[in-house]
Amino acid sequence: MQTVHWLGAGLSSLPGIRKVAQSGQQLILWNRTLAKAEQAVASLGIKVPTKQLNWLALEAEVNPGDQVISMLPATLHLQVAELCLGLKAHFISSSYVSPEMQALHDKAKSLNLCFVNEVGLDPGLDHLLAHALIAEYQASDKFDKQNQHSFRSYCGGFPKVANDFRYKFSWSPLGVLKALKSPAQWTQDGEIQRTEKPWLALSDFDMRMSDASLETFQAYPNRDSIPFQQQYGFANDWNIQEFVRGTLRLNGWSDAWSELFTEVDNAVGDAGMARLAELSDGLWDKHQYDKGEADRVVLSVELEVKDPQGKQTVWHSSYGVDEAGDERGSAMARLVSLTVAIAIESLVAGELAIGVSPAPHDEKTVTKWLNELDKMNEKVFRHQLV
C-alpha cells in the first residue's frame, strides 16, 4: 500500500485527514510545528503517525508512488511538487494551477505521475458543478452554440449569523485585503470586461436556495475568468454573453467595508503594504471567529441560455451549496478538505489524468465525487428553472 503524506495540520485540513484515516489508507501527517499535528490527531480521535515537516525528513520518507498532499501556503506548492518529481510521487493541492506548476506537466506525464490541483471548494467543487451543468445542457434538445449563454459561478464564506461587518476572518485578514487589489476580467454583454478594483464591479446576485426561495447577496468578479471558458467546455464558436467566476458576500458588505476600500485603494508601495498589515492586525482583533462560532459557505453555479436573438430563455439550470459549520468542523474546512480526500481516493483508483491537471471533468468521475460528498451529508441542490 502506498502512503499518503498530508502536509499541513491547520483547521482547514482536519475533516479531510479524518476521512483519509478512516478509509484505511496509510497516512502520515506532517506539520512545521509537531505539537500542532499531534493536537490535530488527538482532537480527531484517530491514530495517525505525525512528523515535523522539514524537507530532508520528508524526502527520506516519501517513496515512489506515494501521494503528497500540500495544504501548505500556496507559495510552497511548487517546492513540494518539484520534490515529488524527484521522488516519483504523486502531488495534490486545492490551489489554482500556476504557470510554474503547469510547466511541470510534461515531466510529470513522462513519469506517469498525477499532479492534481484545484480540488478544494473554489477552485474544486465549483469546477465539478460547472462541468455537470454544461454536460446536461449539451445533452439537451435545447443545445445550440448560437444561443446566448450566460454562465455565473460565485462562492463565498462568512459567519452563519451575520454581524454588522458582514464578514469574519478565520485566518489573517491581510490576504483578503491584498485580494481586493487583484485585477479581474470576465465576459459581460459579449465583451471582455476588466477592473483593477473588484469592488467597483460589485452587483446584487439573487440565488435560489434549496427551498426555492431567493436570497440576495453581493458579488464581484474574481481574478481572470476567461481561461475557464475553454476549461468548462465553452468552445470559441459559442455565443457567450456572460461568463464570470466570482466572490459572494453578504448583502450590505460594501457599505460595511467602504472605508476599507479607500484604504486598499491608497495602499501603494512599501508604506501602503505596511498600512495594510496594520489594518489586518486591527481587523483580526475585532472580527475573527469566536471559538465554536459557525461559519457559512454558499456556492452557486448557474447557466442561463436564451435564443440567439435573446428574446426567450430556452434553458436555465443551477447547482447550489449552502452549508454551515457544526460538530464535524467548519463548512469551509469540510468542503475544501473532503474534496481533497476524495481526490486521493480517485488517484489511488487510477481515475485521474497523468501530468498536471485541475479537477476532473469527465461525467463518471464528477458524478462519483458528488455522490461521495452527498454520503458525507454535504448537500448539493439543483434547480431546473426552464
Protein backbone atom coordinates (compact mmCIF):
# COMPACT_ATOMS: atom_id res chain seq x y z
CA MET A 1 0.00 0.00 0.00
CA GLN A 2 1.28 3.45 -0.93
CA THR A 3 1.43 6.16 1.73
CA VAL A 4 -0.43 9.46 1.82
CA HIS A 5 1.77 12.28 3.14
CA TRP A 6 -0.56 15.09 4.24
CA LEU A 7 1.38 18.34 4.68
CA GLY A 8 -0.33 20.87 6.94
CA ALA A 9 -2.42 20.31 10.06
CA GLY A 10 -4.41 23.54 10.05
CA LEU A 11 -8.12 23.66 10.81
CA SER A 12 -8.96 23.55 7.11
CA SER A 13 -7.32 20.11 6.86
CA LEU A 14 -8.97 18.24 9.73
CA PRO A 15 -12.12 16.80 8.09
CA GLY A 16 -10.08 15.52 5.14
CA ILE A 17 -7.44 13.98 7.40
CA ARG A 18 -10.19 12.15 9.29
CA LYS A 19 -11.68 10.79 6.06
CA VAL A 20 -8.34 9.52 4.75
CA ALA A 21 -7.51 7.92 8.10
CA GLN A 22 -10.90 6.20 8.28
CA SER A 23 -10.51 4.86 4.73
CA GLY A 24 -7.69 2.60 5.86
CA GLN A 25 -5.18 4.35 3.63
CA GLN A 26 -1.70 4.54 5.16
CA LEU A 27 -1.29 8.14 6.28
CA ILE A 28 1.43 10.34 7.77
CA LEU A 29 0.58 13.87 8.93
CA TRP A 30 3.37 16.41 8.58
CA ASN A 31 3.39 19.90 10.07
CA ARG A 32 6.06 22.52 10.66
CA THR A 33 5.04 22.53 14.34
CA LEU A 34 4.92 18.93 15.55
CA ALA A 35 2.81 19.75 18.60
CA LYS A 36 0.09 21.15 16.34
CA ALA A 37 -0.02 17.94 14.30
CA GLU A 38 -0.23 15.88 17.49
CA GLN A 39 -3.02 18.13 18.78
CA ALA A 40 -4.92 17.76 15.49
CA VAL A 41 -4.75 13.96 15.62
CA ALA A 42 -5.85 13.95 19.26
CA SER A 43 -8.82 16.23 18.50
CA LEU A 44 -9.95 13.86 15.75
CA GLY A 45 -9.70 10.79 17.97
CA ILE A 46 -7.63 8.90 15.39
CA LYS A 47 -4.26 7.17 15.40
CA VAL A 48 -2.05 8.65 12.71
CA PRO A 49 1.75 9.00 12.70
CA THR A 50 2.81 12.65 12.96
CA LYS A 51 6.13 14.12 11.92
CA GLN A 52 7.74 17.54 12.00
CA LEU A 53 7.93 18.92 8.48
CA ASN A 54 11.33 19.68 7.09
CA TRP A 55 12.36 18.95 3.53
CA LEU A 56 15.15 16.49 4.28
CA ALA A 57 12.95 14.41 6.58
CA LEU A 58 10.11 14.41 4.05
CA GLU A 59 12.45 13.43 1.23
CA ALA A 60 13.69 10.48 3.28
CA GLU A 61 10.16 9.17 3.89
CA VAL A 62 8.44 9.57 0.50
CA ASN A 63 8.62 6.54 -1.78
CA PRO A 64 7.78 6.20 -5.49
CA GLY A 65 4.01 6.03 -6.00
CA ASP A 66 3.18 7.78 -2.70
CA GLN A 67 0.72 10.69 -2.67
CA VAL A 68 1.86 14.04 -1.23
CA ILE A 69 -0.93 16.44 -0.28
CA SER A 70 0.11 20.07 0.06
CA MET A 71 -2.19 22.02 2.34
CA LEU A 72 0.63 24.47 2.94
CA PRO A 73 0.63 28.12 1.81
CA ALA A 74 0.35 28.32 -1.98
CA THR A 75 3.86 29.78 -2.22
CA LEU A 76 5.25 26.37 -1.16
CA HIS A 77 3.32 24.16 -3.61
CA LEU A 78 5.95 24.37 -6.34
CA GLN A 79 8.70 23.28 -3.96
CA VAL A 80 6.62 20.30 -2.88
CA ALA A 81 5.76 19.41 -6.49
CA GLU A 82 9.42 19.53 -7.56
CA LEU A 83 10.31 17.26 -4.64
CA CYS A 84 7.59 14.86 -5.85
CA LEU A 85 9.11 14.82 -9.33
CA GLY A 86 12.48 13.83 -7.90
CA LEU A 87 10.93 11.08 -5.77
CA LYS A 88 8.41 9.90 -8.40
CA ALA A 89 5.46 10.62 -6.12
CA HIS A 90 2.01 12.00 -6.95
CA PHE A 91 1.00 15.52 -5.90
CA ILE A 92 -2.36 17.04 -4.88
CA SER A 93 -3.31 20.57 -3.87
CA SER A 94 -6.51 22.59 -3.64
CA SER A 95 -4.90 25.70 -5.16
CA TYR A 96 -5.03 27.13 -8.67
CA VAL A 97 -2.62 25.79 -11.29
CA SER A 98 0.12 28.42 -11.52
CA PRO A 99 2.18 28.85 -14.72
CA GLU A 100 5.15 27.39 -12.84
CA MET A 101 3.09 24.34 -11.86
CA GLN A 102 1.80 23.92 -15.42
CA ALA A 103 5.41 23.93 -16.64
CA LEU A 104 5.94 20.63 -14.80
CA HIS A 105 3.29 18.85 -16.92
CA ASP A 106 5.49 17.12 -19.47
CA LYS A 107 7.96 15.80 -16.92
CA ALA A 108 5.19 14.58 -14.58
CA LYS A 109 3.46 12.90 -17.51
CA SER A 110 6.68 11.22 -18.65
CA LEU A 111 6.97 9.73 -15.15
CA ASN A 112 3.32 8.61 -15.17
CA LEU A 113 2.55 10.88 -12.21
CA CYS A 114 -0.66 12.73 -11.36
CA PHE A 115 -0.13 16.34 -10.27
CA VAL A 116 -3.73 17.25 -9.40
CA ASN A 117 -4.70 20.81 -8.44
CA GLU A 118 -7.89 22.81 -7.91
CA VAL A 119 -9.65 20.05 -5.95
CA GLY A 120 -10.96 22.03 -2.98
CA LEU A 121 -14.09 24.17 -2.79
CA ASP A 122 -13.35 27.14 -5.05
CA PRO A 123 -11.48 26.06 -7.07
CA GLY A 124 -12.67 22.47 -6.96
CA LEU A 125 -16.30 21.74 -6.21
CA ASP A 126 -17.29 24.69 -8.39
CA HIS A 127 -15.47 23.05 -11.32
CA LEU A 128 -17.38 19.79 -10.81
CA LEU A 129 -20.74 21.57 -10.79
CA ALA A 130 -19.83 23.61 -13.86
CA HIS A 131 -18.87 20.50 -15.82
CA ALA A 132 -22.07 18.72 -14.72
CA LEU A 133 -24.22 21.69 -15.69
CA ILE A 134 -22.70 22.16 -19.12
CA ALA A 135 -22.83 18.42 -19.87
CA GLU A 136 -26.55 18.43 -19.06
CA TYR A 137 -27.17 21.39 -21.33
CA GLN A 138 -25.21 19.90 -24.22
CA ALA A 139 -27.16 16.65 -23.86
CA SER A 140 -30.49 18.51 -24.02
CA ASP A 141 -32.54 19.21 -27.13
CA LYS A 142 -32.07 22.96 -26.47
CA PHE A 143 -28.34 22.94 -27.14
CA ASP A 144 -27.31 25.34 -29.88
CA LYS A 145 -23.97 27.14 -29.87
CA GLN A 146 -25.71 30.15 -31.44
CA ASN A 147 -27.85 30.57 -28.33
CA GLN A 148 -26.92 33.36 -25.92
CA HIS A 149 -25.11 31.80 -22.96
CA SER A 150 -24.76 33.36 -19.52
CA PHE A 151 -22.64 31.44 -17.01
CA ARG A 152 -22.21 32.59 -13.41
CA SER A 153 -20.22 30.86 -10.67
CA TYR A 154 -20.00 32.56 -7.28
CA CYS A 155 -18.69 31.32 -3.92
CA GLY A 156 -18.30 32.93 -0.52
CA GLY A 157 -17.71 32.20 3.13
CA PHE A 158 -18.99 34.31 6.02
CA PRO A 159 -20.48 33.92 9.51
CA LYS A 160 -23.68 31.89 9.78
CA VAL A 161 -25.13 34.64 11.97
CA ALA A 162 -24.39 37.92 10.20
CA ASN A 163 -22.53 40.62 12.12
CA ASP A 164 -22.54 44.36 11.40
CA PHE A 165 -19.25 43.99 9.49
CA ARG A 166 -20.92 41.34 7.30
CA TYR A 167 -17.81 39.16 7.50
CA LYS A 168 -15.42 37.35 9.87
CA PHE A 169 -11.89 36.09 9.45
CA SER A 170 -10.64 32.57 10.12
CA TRP A 171 -7.03 33.49 9.29
CA SER A 172 -5.00 36.66 8.69
CA PRO A 173 -7.12 39.40 7.08
CA LEU A 174 -4.09 40.56 5.09
CA GLY A 175 -4.77 38.01 2.37
CA VAL A 176 -8.32 39.29 1.94
CA LEU A 177 -7.12 42.89 1.74
CA LYS A 178 -4.46 42.02 -0.85
CA ALA A 179 -7.03 40.11 -2.90
CA LEU A 180 -9.03 43.33 -3.21
CA LYS A 181 -6.02 44.79 -5.06
CA SER A 182 -6.08 41.96 -7.62
CA PRO A 183 -7.40 42.90 -11.09
CA ALA A 184 -10.22 40.84 -12.57
CA GLN A 185 -11.58 40.18 -16.02
CA TRP A 186 -14.71 38.42 -17.21
CA THR A 187 -17.17 38.41 -20.10
CA GLN A 188 -20.23 40.67 -19.96
CA ASP A 189 -22.57 41.61 -22.85
CA GLY A 190 -20.38 39.54 -25.15
CA GLU A 191 -17.24 41.58 -24.43
CA ILE A 192 -14.28 41.08 -22.12
CA GLN A 193 -14.52 43.45 -19.18
CA ARG A 194 -11.68 44.41 -16.83
CA THR A 195 -11.37 46.13 -13.48
CA GLU A 196 -8.39 46.96 -11.30
CA LYS A 197 -10.67 47.22 -8.27
CA PRO A 198 -13.10 44.30 -7.87
CA TRP A 199 -15.45 46.27 -5.60
CA LEU A 200 -16.18 48.66 -8.48
CA ALA A 201 -17.71 45.71 -10.36
CA LEU A 202 -19.99 44.80 -7.45
CA SER A 203 -23.54 43.69 -8.25
CA ASP A 204 -26.52 42.17 -6.49
CA PHE A 205 -26.94 38.44 -7.04
CA ASP A 206 -30.20 36.64 -6.29
CA MET A 207 -29.51 32.99 -5.52
CA ARG A 208 -32.22 30.33 -5.49
CA MET A 209 -31.72 28.37 -2.27
CA SER A 210 -32.55 24.73 -1.53
CA ASP A 211 -36.18 25.56 -0.63
CA ALA A 212 -36.53 27.57 -3.88
CA SER A 213 -36.58 30.90 -2.02
CA LEU A 214 -34.36 33.72 -3.24
CA GLU A 215 -31.62 35.27 -1.14
CA THR A 216 -29.79 38.40 -2.26
CA PHE A 217 -26.01 38.55 -1.96
CA GLN A 218 -23.39 40.93 -3.27
CA ALA A 219 -21.00 39.54 -5.87
CA TYR A 220 -17.87 40.64 -7.70
CA PRO A 221 -15.59 39.00 -10.31
CA ASN A 222 -12.51 37.20 -9.03
CA ARG A 223 -9.20 37.03 -10.87
CA ASP A 224 -9.32 36.07 -14.55
CA SER A 225 -12.47 34.19 -15.57
CA ILE A 226 -11.63 33.99 -19.28
CA PRO A 227 -9.39 30.86 -19.31
CA PHE A 228 -12.14 28.87 -17.62
CA GLN A 229 -14.45 29.29 -20.61
CA GLN A 230 -12.41 26.73 -22.51
CA GLN A 231 -11.74 24.59 -19.43
CA TYR A 232 -15.50 24.28 -18.87
CA GLY A 233 -16.21 23.34 -22.47
CA PHE A 234 -17.38 26.64 -23.96
CA ALA A 235 -15.92 26.41 -27.47
CA ASN A 236 -14.65 29.52 -29.24
CA ASP A 237 -17.61 29.49 -31.63
CA TRP A 238 -20.22 29.61 -28.84
CA ASN A 239 -22.20 32.81 -28.36
CA ILE A 240 -21.04 33.74 -24.84
CA GLN A 241 -22.82 36.79 -23.48
CA GLU A 242 -21.71 36.41 -19.86
CA PHE A 243 -19.05 34.30 -18.17
CA VAL A 244 -17.94 35.13 -14.66
CA ARG A 245 -16.36 33.36 -11.71
CA GLY A 246 -16.51 35.46 -8.61
CA THR A 247 -16.89 36.00 -4.90
CA LEU A 248 -20.09 36.21 -2.85
CA ARG A 249 -20.53 38.46 0.16
CA LEU A 250 -23.46 39.05 2.48
CA ASN A 251 -25.84 41.79 1.45
CA GLY A 252 -24.65 45.09 2.94
CA TRP A 253 -20.98 44.11 2.77
CA SER A 254 -19.99 47.03 0.54
CA ASP A 255 -21.41 49.60 2.97
CA ALA A 256 -19.68 47.95 5.94
CA TRP A 257 -16.36 47.89 4.08
CA SER A 258 -16.49 51.27 2.32
CA GLU A 259 -13.72 52.82 4.43
CA LEU A 260 -11.53 49.77 3.86
CA PHE A 261 -11.93 50.10 0.10
CA THR A 262 -10.44 53.60 0.35
CA GLU A 263 -7.53 52.30 2.43
CA VAL A 264 -6.87 49.46 -0.02
CA ASP A 265 -7.07 51.83 -2.97
CA ASN A 266 -4.50 54.16 -1.39
CA ALA A 267 -2.10 51.36 -0.37
CA VAL A 268 0.87 51.80 -2.71
CA GLY A 269 4.47 50.65 -2.29
CA ASP A 270 6.13 49.50 0.93
CA ALA A 271 4.35 52.12 3.03
CA GLY A 272 1.00 51.01 1.63
CA MET A 273 1.70 47.35 2.38
CA ALA A 274 2.75 48.29 5.90
CA ARG A 275 -0.54 50.12 6.31
CA LEU A 276 -2.49 47.06 5.13
CA ALA A 277 -0.58 44.91 7.62
CA GLU A 278 -1.53 47.35 10.37
CA LEU A 279 -5.17 47.25 9.28
CA SER A 280 -5.01 43.47 9.19
CA ASP A 281 -3.97 43.29 12.83
CA GLY A 282 -6.88 45.51 13.84
CA LEU A 283 -9.39 43.55 11.80
CA TRP A 284 -8.18 40.29 13.31
CA ASP A 285 -8.69 41.68 16.81
CA LYS A 286 -12.23 42.85 16.03
CA HIS A 287 -13.60 40.36 13.53
CA GLN A 288 -12.15 36.89 13.94
CA TYR A 289 -14.47 33.95 14.54
CA ASP A 290 -15.28 33.27 18.18
CA LYS A 291 -14.44 29.82 19.49
CA GLY A 292 -17.12 27.41 18.32
CA GLU A 293 -18.83 30.02 16.12
CA ALA A 294 -20.40 28.56 12.99
CA ASP A 295 -19.37 29.76 9.57
CA ARG A 296 -21.43 29.50 6.39
CA VAL A 297 -20.38 28.66 2.83
CA VAL A 298 -22.55 29.42 -0.18
CA LEU A 299 -21.77 28.32 -3.73
CA SER A 300 -23.89 28.93 -6.82
CA VAL A 301 -23.14 27.68 -10.34
CA GLU A 302 -25.71 28.74 -12.93
CA LEU A 303 -26.19 28.55 -16.69
CA GLU A 304 -28.91 30.60 -18.36
CA VAL A 305 -29.46 30.16 -22.10
CA LYS A 306 -31.55 32.38 -24.36
CA ASP A 307 -32.39 32.01 -28.04
CA PRO A 308 -29.93 33.62 -30.50
CA GLN A 309 -31.95 36.86 -30.51
CA GLY A 310 -32.07 36.98 -26.70
CA LYS A 311 -35.86 37.14 -26.63
CA GLN A 312 -36.66 33.97 -24.70
CA THR A 313 -34.94 31.78 -22.12
CA VAL A 314 -34.76 28.26 -23.53
CA TRP A 315 -32.71 26.50 -20.81
CA HIS A 316 -31.85 27.60 -17.28
CA SER A 317 -30.42 25.47 -14.51
CA SER A 318 -28.33 25.93 -11.38
CA TYR A 319 -26.48 24.00 -8.71
CA GLY A 320 -26.09 25.31 -5.20
CA VAL A 321 -24.45 24.58 -1.86
CA ASP A 322 -25.37 26.20 1.46
CA GLU A 323 -23.54 24.61 4.40
CA ALA A 324 -22.81 25.73 7.95
CA GLY A 325 -20.17 24.79 10.49
CA ASP A 326 -21.09 22.15 13.05
CA GLU A 327 -19.51 19.46 15.20
CA ARG A 328 -17.89 17.97 12.07
CA GLY A 329 -15.85 21.14 11.52
CA SER A 330 -16.31 24.45 9.79
CA ALA A 331 -18.20 24.43 6.50
CA MET A 332 -15.15 25.83 4.72
CA ALA A 333 -12.82 23.17 6.13
CA ARG A 334 -15.20 20.35 5.27
CA LEU A 335 -15.88 21.41 1.70
CA VAL A 336 -12.21 22.07 0.95
CA SER A 337 -10.52 19.10 2.60
CA LEU A 338 -13.19 16.44 1.99
CA THR A 339 -12.96 17.17 -1.72
CA VAL A 340 -9.17 16.78 -1.45
CA ALA A 341 -9.70 13.43 0.32
CA ILE A 342 -11.99 12.26 -2.49
CA ALA A 343 -9.28 13.22 -4.99
CA ILE A 344 -6.85 10.96 -3.12
CA GLU A 345 -9.27 8.04 -3.47
CA SER A 346 -9.66 8.69 -7.19
CA LEU A 347 -5.90 8.91 -7.65
CA VAL A 348 -5.38 5.59 -5.87
CA ALA A 349 -8.11 4.06 -8.06
CA GLY A 350 -6.31 5.23 -11.21
CA GLU A 351 -9.15 7.54 -12.27
CA LEU A 352 -7.20 10.79 -12.71
CA ALA A 353 -5.22 12.10 -15.67
CA ILE A 354 -1.43 11.93 -15.56
CA GLY A 355 0.51 15.15 -15.73
CA VAL A 356 -0.58 18.49 -14.29
CA SER A 357 -4.37 18.86 -14.22
CA PRO A 358 -7.22 20.65 -12.44
CA ALA A 359 -10.31 18.92 -11.04
CA PRO A 360 -11.66 16.12 -13.27
CA HIS A 361 -14.32 16.92 -15.86
CA ASP A 362 -15.47 13.54 -17.18
CA GLU A 363 -19.08 12.77 -16.28
CA LYS A 364 -18.39 9.47 -14.49
CA THR A 365 -15.79 10.91 -12.09
CA VAL A 366 -17.74 14.12 -11.47
CA THR A 367 -20.85 12.09 -10.57
CA LYS A 368 -18.82 9.85 -8.28
CA TRP A 369 -17.32 12.81 -6.40
CA LEU A 370 -20.70 14.48 -5.94
CA ASN A 371 -22.16 11.20 -4.68
CA GLU A 372 -19.30 10.87 -2.19
CA LEU A 373 -19.98 14.36 -0.84
CA ASP A 374 -23.66 13.52 -0.54
CA LYS A 375 -22.82 10.41 1.51
CA MET A 376 -20.96 12.69 3.93
CA ASN A 377 -24.05 14.92 4.19
CA GLU A 378 -22.50 17.74 2.16
CA LYS A 379 -25.56 18.51 0.08
CA VAL A 380 -25.67 19.92 -3.43
CA PHE A 381 -29.10 21.09 -4.58
CA ARG A 382 -30.23 21.65 -8.15
CA HIS A 383 -32.94 23.76 -9.79
CA GLN A 384 -34.08 23.25 -13.36
CA LEU A 385 -35.75 26.59 -13.98
CA VAL A 386 -36.52 26.25 -17.70
